[in-house]
């Protein structure tokens, strides 16, 4: 979608075969003073804009031992130009250039606490189903 207005340059609602309404849309484009979209169309444009520009959510998970235990150490948001991460325990906020550099910083800072390594887990990707065997 691309915009009919300079406020949303990458969004535009396509209207076809609307006759008089089509003319009204052209006039709105030129004047930009009257409503360009119906309330429903505008709600859809705003929702799409927010969804398209939303940061990706990820977790940094610390591994202890040889896959013996793990814990979520922090959650982050990956924006187009930066990464913001907050520890789950609070009191620690990290701004980084990339998710992997944030993961590496968590890994280095937690090594003295027995962390073997830190994993980057994208939360918008489907989780792998694990079948855990019961101890016999």
C-alpha atoms as a PDB file:
ATOM      1  CA  UNK A   1       0.000   0.000   0.000  1.00  0.00           C
ATOM      2  CA  UNK A   2       1.213   3.514  -0.695  1.00  0.00           C
ATOM      3  CA  UNK A   3      -0.080   6.754   0.675  1.00  0.00           C
ATOM      4  CA  UNK A   4      -2.373   9.307  -0.834  1.00  0.00           C
ATOM      5  CA  UNK A   5      -0.973  11.814   1.601  1.00  0.00           C
ATOM      6  CA  UNK A   6       2.547  12.970   2.390  1.00  0.00           C
ATOM      7  CA  UNK A   7       2.080  11.791   5.994  1.00  0.00           C
ATOM      8  CA  UNK A   8       2.056   8.135   4.875  1.00  0.00           C
ATOM      9  CA  UNK A   9       4.226   8.120   1.736  1.00  0.00           C
ATOM     10  CA  UNK A  10       4.536   4.345   1.487  1.00  0.00           C
ATOM     11  CA  UNK A  11       0.821   3.634   1.814  1.00  0.00           C
ATOM     12  CA  UNK A  12      -1.929   4.053  -0.751  1.00  0.00           C
ATOM     13  CA  UNK A  13      -5.409   2.645  -0.809  1.00  0.00           C
ATOM     14  CA  UNK A  14      -6.273   1.502  -4.296  1.00  0.00           C
ATOM     15  CA  UNK A  15      -9.766   2.474  -5.451  1.00  0.00           C
ATOM     16  CA  UNK A  16     -11.083   1.286  -8.787  1.00  0.00           C
ATOM     17  CA  UNK A  17     -14.313   1.941 -10.677  1.00  0.00           C
ATOM     18  CA  UNK A  18     -15.671   4.355  -8.114  1.00  0.00           C
ATOM     19  CA  UNK A  19     -16.729   7.136 -10.460  1.00  0.00           C
ATOM     20  CA  UNK A  20     -17.509  10.207  -8.358  1.00  0.00           C
ATOM     21  CA  UNK A  21     -15.586   8.836  -5.372  1.00  0.00           C
ATOM     22  CA  UNK A  22     -12.487   8.498  -7.528  1.00  0.00           C
ATOM     23  CA  UNK A  23     -12.701  12.183  -8.398  1.00  0.00           C
ATOM     24  CA  UNK A  24     -13.114  13.026  -4.688  1.00  0.00           C
ATOM     25  CA  UNK A  25      -9.933  11.074  -3.900  1.00  0.00           C
ATOM     26  CA  UNK A  26      -7.971  12.981  -6.559  1.00  0.00           C
ATOM     27  CA  UNK A  27      -9.139  16.291  -5.142  1.00  0.00           C
ATOM     28  CA  UNK A  28      -8.193  15.155  -1.644  1.00  0.00           C
ATOM     29  CA  UNK A  29      -4.709  14.290  -2.851  1.00  0.00           C
ATOM     30  CA  UNK A  30      -4.191  17.772  -4.211  1.00  0.00           C
ATOM     31  CA  UNK A  31      -5.689  19.670  -1.282  1.00  0.00           C
ATOM     32  CA  UNK A  32      -4.772  17.251   1.543  1.00  0.00           C
ATOM     33  CA  UNK A  33      -7.344  19.021   3.675  1.00  0.00           C
ATOM     34  CA  UNK A  34     -10.303  16.665   3.473  1.00  0.00           C
ATOM     35  CA  UNK A  35     -10.341  13.071   4.713  1.00  0.00           C
ATOM     36  CA  UNK A  36      -8.493  10.783   2.318  1.00  0.00           C
ATOM     37  CA  UNK A  37      -9.678   7.489   3.788  1.00  0.00           C
ATOM     38  CA  UNK A  38     -12.856   6.290   5.346  1.00  0.00           C
ATOM     39  CA  UNK A  39     -12.478   5.510   9.064  1.00  0.00           C
ATOM     40  CA  UNK A  40     -12.173   1.798   8.230  1.00  0.00           C
ATOM     41  CA  UNK A  41      -9.538   2.385   5.544  1.00  0.00           C
ATOM     42  CA  UNK A  42      -7.531   4.678   7.818  1.00  0.00           C
ATOM     43  CA  UNK A  43      -7.655   2.119  10.649  1.00  0.00           C
ATOM     44  CA  UNK A  44      -6.307  -0.497   8.220  1.00  0.00           C
ATOM     45  CA  UNK A  45      -3.531   1.840   7.013  1.00  0.00           C
ATOM     46  CA  UNK A  46      -2.483   2.719  10.557  1.00  0.00           C
ATOM     47  CA  UNK A  47      -2.497  -0.945  11.599  1.00  0.00           C
ATOM     48  CA  UNK A  48      -0.404  -1.922   8.563  1.00  0.00           C
ATOM     49  CA  UNK A  49       2.039   0.941   9.181  1.00  0.00           C
ATOM     50  CA  UNK A  50       2.512  -0.113  12.816  1.00  0.00           C
ATOM     51  CA  UNK A  51       2.911  -3.787  11.871  1.00  0.00           C
ATOM     52  CA  UNK A  52       5.408  -3.057   9.080  1.00  0.00           C
ATOM     53  CA  UNK A  53       7.588  -0.891  11.311  1.00  0.00           C
ATOM     54  CA  UNK A  54       7.351  -2.989  14.482  1.00  0.00           C
ATOM     55  CA  UNK A  55      10.648  -4.154  15.952  1.00  0.00           C
ATOM     56  CA  UNK A  56      11.333  -7.895  16.198  1.00  0.00           C
ATOM     57  CA  UNK A  57      11.154  -9.392  19.677  1.00  0.00           C
ATOM     58  CA  UNK A  58      13.893 -11.717  20.869  1.00  0.00           C
ATOM     59  CA  UNK A  59      15.210 -13.273  24.061  1.00  0.00           C
ATOM     60  CA  UNK A  60      18.730 -13.879  25.253  1.00  0.00           C
ATOM     61  CA  UNK A  61      18.878 -17.256  26.969  1.00  0.00           C
ATOM     62  CA  UNK A  62      21.860 -18.280  29.090  1.00  0.00           C
ATOM     63  CA  UNK A  63      22.970 -21.918  28.977  1.00  0.00           C
ATOM     64  CA  UNK A  64      24.548 -23.570  32.019  1.00  0.00           C
ATOM     65  CA  UNK A  65      26.778 -26.617  31.752  1.00  0.00           C
ATOM     66  CA  UNK A  66      26.531 -28.801  28.666  1.00  0.00           C
ATOM     67  CA  UNK A  67      22.841 -28.088  27.965  1.00  0.00           C
ATOM     68  CA  UNK A  68      22.081 -28.929  31.615  1.00  0.00           C
ATOM     69  CA  UNK A  69      20.011 -25.846  32.392  1.00  0.00           C
ATOM     70  CA  UNK A  70      19.030 -22.504  30.928  1.00  0.00           C
ATOM     71  CA  UNK A  71      17.323 -19.273  31.885  1.00  0.00           C
ATOM     72  CA  UNK A  72      16.033 -16.234  30.047  1.00  0.00           C
ATOM     73  CA  UNK A  73      18.425 -13.417  30.882  1.00  0.00           C
ATOM     74  CA  UNK A  74      16.797 -10.620  28.880  1.00  0.00           C
ATOM     75  CA  UNK A  75      14.324  -9.582  26.238  1.00  0.00           C
ATOM     76  CA  UNK A  76      15.119  -7.298  23.352  1.00  0.00           C
ATOM     77  CA  UNK A  77      13.604  -5.326  20.535  1.00  0.00           C
ATOM     78  CA  UNK A  78      15.466  -5.224  17.229  1.00  0.00           C
ATOM     79  CA  UNK A  79      14.758  -1.962  15.402  1.00  0.00           C
ATOM     80  CA  UNK A  80      16.080  -1.182  11.924  1.00  0.00           C
ATOM     81  CA  UNK A  81      18.976   0.887  13.301  1.00  0.00           C
ATOM     82  CA  UNK A  82      19.592  -0.472  16.819  1.00  0.00           C
ATOM     83  CA  UNK A  83      18.781  -3.063  19.464  1.00  0.00           C
ATOM     84  CA  UNK A  84      17.400  -2.417  22.958  1.00  0.00           C
ATOM     85  CA  UNK A  85      17.628  -5.167  25.610  1.00  0.00           C
ATOM     86  CA  UNK A  86      16.410  -5.262  29.219  1.00  0.00           C
ATOM     87  CA  UNK A  87      17.431  -7.918  31.711  1.00  0.00           C
ATOM     88  CA  UNK A  88      14.615  -9.904  33.286  1.00  0.00           C
ATOM     89  CA  UNK A  89      15.930  -9.079  36.743  1.00  0.00           C
ATOM     90  CA  UNK A  90      15.748  -5.352  36.048  1.00  0.00           C
ATOM     91  CA  UNK A  91      18.408  -2.765  36.546  1.00  0.00           C
ATOM     92  CA  UNK A  92      20.272  -3.548  33.312  1.00  0.00           C
ATOM     93  CA  UNK A  93      19.456  -1.975  29.963  1.00  0.00           C
ATOM     94  CA  UNK A  94      21.610  -2.414  26.878  1.00  0.00           C
ATOM     95  CA  UNK A  95      21.608  -0.520  23.608  1.00  0.00           C
ATOM     96  CA  UNK A  96      23.585  -2.246  20.857  1.00  0.00           C
ATOM     97  CA  UNK A  97      24.131  -2.232  17.105  1.00  0.00           C
ATOM     98  CA  UNK A  98      22.861  -5.769  16.518  1.00  0.00           C
ATOM     99  CA  UNK A  99      21.141  -8.635  18.322  1.00  0.00           C
ATOM    100  CA  UNK A 100      24.265 -10.780  18.072  1.00  0.00           C
ATOM    101  CA  UNK A 101      26.488  -8.147  19.663  1.00  0.00           C
ATOM    102  CA  UNK A 102      23.956  -7.839  22.520  1.00  0.00           C
ATOM    103  CA  UNK A 103      24.036 -11.640  22.900  1.00  0.00           C
ATOM    104  CA  UNK A 104      27.832 -11.590  23.011  1.00  0.00           C
ATOM    105  CA  UNK A 105      27.831  -8.908  25.718  1.00  0.00           C
ATOM    106  CA  UNK A 106      25.415 -10.957  27.836  1.00  0.00           C
ATOM    107  CA  UNK A 107      27.604 -14.012  27.294  1.00  0.00           C
ATOM    108  CA  UNK A 108      30.791 -12.254  28.404  1.00  0.00           C
ATOM    109  CA  UNK A 109      29.176 -10.526  31.381  1.00  0.00           C
ATOM    110  CA  UNK A 110      27.596 -13.718  32.734  1.00  0.00           C
ATOM    111  CA  UNK A 111      30.498 -16.128  32.222  1.00  0.00           C
ATOM    112  CA  UNK A 112      31.671 -15.741  35.835  1.00  0.00           C
ATOM    113  CA  UNK A 113      28.234 -16.921  36.996  1.00  0.00           C
ATOM    114  CA  UNK A 114      28.725 -20.293  35.319  1.00  0.00           C
ATOM    115  CA  UNK A 115      27.092 -19.490  31.996  1.00  0.00           C
ATOM    116  CA  UNK A 116      28.524 -21.625  29.209  1.00  0.00           C
ATOM    117  CA  UNK A 117      27.079 -19.486  26.439  1.00  0.00           C
ATOM    118  CA  UNK A 118      24.187 -17.203  25.562  1.00  0.00           C
ATOM    119  CA  UNK A 119      21.665 -17.972  22.828  1.00  0.00           C
ATOM    120  CA  UNK A 120      19.689 -15.551  20.683  1.00  0.00           C
ATOM    121  CA  UNK A 121      16.066 -16.707  20.355  1.00  0.00           C
ATOM    122  CA  UNK A 122      13.725 -14.938  17.920  1.00  0.00           C
ATOM    123  CA  UNK A 123      10.243 -15.009  19.412  1.00  0.00           C
ATOM    124  CA  UNK A 124       8.419 -14.491  16.125  1.00  0.00           C
ATOM    125  CA  UNK A 125       9.738 -17.809  14.797  1.00  0.00           C
ATOM    126  CA  UNK A 126       7.885 -21.016  15.641  1.00  0.00           C
ATOM    127  CA  UNK A 127       9.310 -22.994  18.527  1.00  0.00           C
ATOM    128  CA  UNK A 128      10.655 -26.449  17.866  1.00  0.00           C
ATOM    129  CA  UNK A 129       8.567 -29.105  19.568  1.00  0.00           C
ATOM    130  CA  UNK A 130      10.626 -31.215  21.913  1.00  0.00           C
ATOM    131  CA  UNK A 131       9.654 -34.615  23.220  1.00  0.00           C
ATOM    132  CA  UNK A 132      11.129 -35.078  26.651  1.00  0.00           C
ATOM    133  CA  UNK A 133      11.737 -38.660  27.688  1.00  0.00           C
ATOM    134  CA  UNK A 134      10.739 -39.590  31.191  1.00  0.00           C
ATOM    135  CA  UNK A 135      13.510 -40.976  33.377  1.00  0.00           C
ATOM    136  CA  UNK A 136      13.225 -44.727  33.832  1.00  0.00           C
END
